[in-house]
Amino acid sequence: MYKKLIVNTYSKSVCKRVSPKDAGQRLPETIGPPFEEIEAELSALSEFKDKLAGNICITTAEHAANYVQWPKLEKFLHDYPDIKVEINVDTA
């Protein structure tokens, strides 16, 4: 990355010691905070990775909806309030 910059960011001494120039010191100070913010946001997003959420659409017969699925869905919906379930009863 530093080689692509027009400004020299580091200087070498005869003793093979490398030290930052003014531009080299300024670069991390300038771009550091945005990267810290990105890292913090990525960490905050990780709390959602184990959280179940979304929509489920079920098309079923009336008997199955009333006697099989609904009794199971009551507990499921209580345990996972961020999941929305739509049941379409097919009478055909």
C-alpha atoms as a PDB file:
ATOM      1  CA  MET A   1       0.000   0.000   0.000  1.00  0.00           C
ATOM      2  CA  TYR A   2       2.728   2.457   0.903  1.00  0.00           C
ATOM      3  CA  LYS A   3       4.533   1.900  -2.400  1.00  0.00           C
ATOM      4  CA  LYS A   4       1.475   3.113  -4.295  1.00  0.00           C
ATOM      5  CA  LEU A   5       1.491   6.451  -2.483  1.00  0.00           C
ATOM      6  CA  ILE A   6       3.165   9.364  -4.175  1.00  0.00           C
ATOM      7  CA  VAL A   7       4.513  10.630  -0.838  1.00  0.00           C
ATOM      8  CA  ASN A   8       7.341   8.751   0.846  1.00  0.00           C
ATOM      9  CA  THR A   9       6.033   7.613   4.184  1.00  0.00           C
ATOM     10  CA  TYR A  10       9.204   6.072   5.642  1.00  0.00           C
ATOM     11  CA  SER A  11      12.854   6.987   5.586  1.00  0.00           C
ATOM     12  CA  LYS A  12      15.815   4.633   5.928  1.00  0.00           C
ATOM     13  CA  SER A  13      19.016   5.573   7.663  1.00  0.00           C
ATOM     14  CA  VAL A  14      22.497   4.220   7.005  1.00  0.00           C
ATOM     15  CA  CYS A  15      22.137   1.927  10.025  1.00  0.00           C
ATOM     16  CA  LYS A  16      19.139   0.172   8.411  1.00  0.00           C
ATOM     17  CA  ARG A  17      16.835   1.884  10.852  1.00  0.00           C
ATOM     18  CA  VAL A  18      13.391   2.691   9.500  1.00  0.00           C
ATOM     19  CA  SER A  19      11.412   5.576  10.916  1.00  0.00           C
ATOM     20  CA  PRO A  20       8.222   7.238   9.754  1.00  0.00           C
ATOM     21  CA  LYS A  21       8.293  10.604   8.060  1.00  0.00           C
ATOM     22  CA  ASP A  22       5.590  13.160   8.772  1.00  0.00           C
ATOM     23  CA  ALA A  23       3.369  11.653   6.083  1.00  0.00           C
ATOM     24  CA  GLY A  24       4.018   8.178   7.469  1.00  0.00           C
ATOM     25  CA  GLN A  25       2.941   9.253  10.942  1.00  0.00           C
ATOM     26  CA  ARG A  26      -0.107  11.093   9.673  1.00  0.00           C
ATOM     27  CA  LEU A  27      -1.486   8.177   7.638  1.00  0.00           C
ATOM     28  CA  PRO A  28      -2.304   5.834  10.566  1.00  0.00           C
ATOM     29  CA  GLU A  29      -3.662   8.754  12.572  1.00  0.00           C
ATOM     30  CA  THR A  30      -5.987   9.652   9.709  1.00  0.00           C
ATOM     31  CA  ILE A  31      -7.186   6.217   8.629  1.00  0.00           C
ATOM     32  CA  GLY A  32      -6.979   4.503  12.020  1.00  0.00           C
ATOM     33  CA  PRO A  33     -10.260   5.769  13.536  1.00  0.00           C
ATOM     34  CA  PRO A  34     -12.454   4.692  10.577  1.00  0.00           C
ATOM     35  CA  PHE A  35     -10.936   1.197  10.743  1.00  0.00           C
ATOM     36  CA  GLU A  36     -11.590   1.091  14.484  1.00  0.00           C
ATOM     37  CA  GLU A  37     -15.230   2.055  13.819  1.00  0.00           C
ATOM     38  CA  ILE A  38     -15.541  -0.684  11.196  1.00  0.00           C
ATOM     39  CA  GLU A  39     -14.094  -3.231  13.609  1.00  0.00           C
ATOM     40  CA  ALA A  40     -16.516  -2.135  16.337  1.00  0.00           C
ATOM     41  CA  GLU A  41     -19.502  -2.425  13.973  1.00  0.00           C
ATOM     42  CA  LEU A  42     -18.429  -5.884  12.821  1.00  0.00           C
ATOM     43  CA  SER A  43     -18.200  -6.968  16.454  1.00  0.00           C
ATOM     44  CA  ALA A  44     -21.666  -5.539  17.118  1.00  0.00           C
ATOM     45  CA  LEU A  45     -23.087  -7.430  14.135  1.00  0.00           C
ATOM     46  CA  SER A  46     -21.773 -10.733  15.462  1.00  0.00           C
ATOM     47  CA  GLU A  47     -24.468 -10.692  18.165  1.00  0.00           C
ATOM     48  CA  PHE A  48     -27.030 -11.415  15.412  1.00  0.00           C
ATOM     49  CA  LYS A  49     -25.297 -14.488  14.015  1.00  0.00           C
ATOM     50  CA  ASP A  50     -26.892 -16.867  16.518  1.00  0.00           C
ATOM     51  CA  LYS A  51     -30.281 -15.135  16.509  1.00  0.00           C
ATOM     52  CA  LEU A  52     -33.025 -16.763  14.468  1.00  0.00           C
ATOM     53  CA  ALA A  53     -35.234 -14.328  12.573  1.00  0.00           C
ATOM     54  CA  GLY A  54     -37.170 -14.213   9.338  1.00  0.00           C
ATOM     55  CA  ASN A  55     -40.358 -15.350   7.640  1.00  0.00           C
ATOM     56  CA  ILE A  56     -41.747 -18.849   7.074  1.00  0.00           C
ATOM     57  CA  CYS A  57     -44.653 -19.580   4.759  1.00  0.00           C
ATOM     58  CA  ILE A  58     -46.415 -22.949   5.108  1.00  0.00           C
ATOM     59  CA  THR A  59     -49.093 -24.250   2.745  1.00  0.00           C
ATOM     60  CA  THR A  60     -50.924 -27.154   4.294  1.00  0.00           C
ATOM     61  CA  ALA A  61     -54.222 -28.987   4.611  1.00  0.00           C
ATOM     62  CA  GLU A  62     -56.710 -27.749   7.202  1.00  0.00           C
ATOM     63  CA  HIS A  63     -56.516 -30.858   9.388  1.00  0.00           C
ATOM     64  CA  ALA A  64     -52.686 -30.744   9.482  1.00  0.00           C
ATOM     65  CA  ALA A  65     -52.724 -27.026  10.286  1.00  0.00           C
ATOM     66  CA  ASN A  66     -55.177 -27.424  13.180  1.00  0.00           C
ATOM     67  CA  TYR A  67     -53.981 -30.644  14.765  1.00  0.00           C
ATOM     68  CA  VAL A  68     -50.319 -31.060  13.853  1.00  0.00           C
ATOM     69  CA  GLN A  69     -48.627 -27.790  12.963  1.00  0.00           C
ATOM     70  CA  TRP A  70     -50.411 -25.219  15.118  1.00  0.00           C
ATOM     71  CA  PRO A  71     -49.772 -27.054  18.433  1.00  0.00           C
ATOM     72  CA  LYS A  72     -46.048 -27.226  17.555  1.00  0.00           C
ATOM     73  CA  LEU A  73     -45.905 -23.646  16.260  1.00  0.00           C
ATOM     74  CA  GLU A  74     -47.322 -22.137  19.461  1.00  0.00           C
ATOM     75  CA  LYS A  75     -44.224 -23.086  21.462  1.00  0.00           C
ATOM     76  CA  PHE A  76     -41.903 -22.356  18.533  1.00  0.00           C
ATOM     77  CA  LEU A  77     -43.296 -18.818  18.081  1.00  0.00           C
ATOM     78  CA  HIS A  78     -43.038 -18.187  21.805  1.00  0.00           C
ATOM     79  CA  ASP A  79     -39.383 -19.298  21.808  1.00  0.00           C
ATOM     80  CA  TYR A  80     -38.489 -17.354  18.625  1.00  0.00           C
ATOM     81  CA  PRO A  81     -40.490 -14.108  18.558  1.00  0.00           C
ATOM     82  CA  ASP A  82     -38.471 -12.691  15.634  1.00  0.00           C
ATOM     83  CA  ILE A  83     -39.746 -15.407  13.284  1.00  0.00           C
ATOM     84  CA  LYS A  84     -43.023 -14.681  11.511  1.00  0.00           C
ATOM     85  CA  VAL A  85     -45.053 -17.661  10.288  1.00  0.00           C
ATOM     86  CA  GLU A  86     -47.754 -17.488   7.640  1.00  0.00           C
ATOM     87  CA  ILE A  87     -49.986 -20.554   7.260  1.00  0.00           C
ATOM     88  CA  ASN A  88     -51.980 -20.956   4.059  1.00  0.00           C
ATOM     89  CA  VAL A  89     -54.683 -23.592   4.334  1.00  0.00           C
ATOM     90  CA  ASP A  90     -55.300 -25.339   1.025  1.00  0.00           C
ATOM     91  CA  THR A  91     -58.819 -26.740   0.854  1.00  0.00           C
ATOM     92  CA  ALA A  92     -58.454 -28.196  -2.646  1.00  0.00           C
END
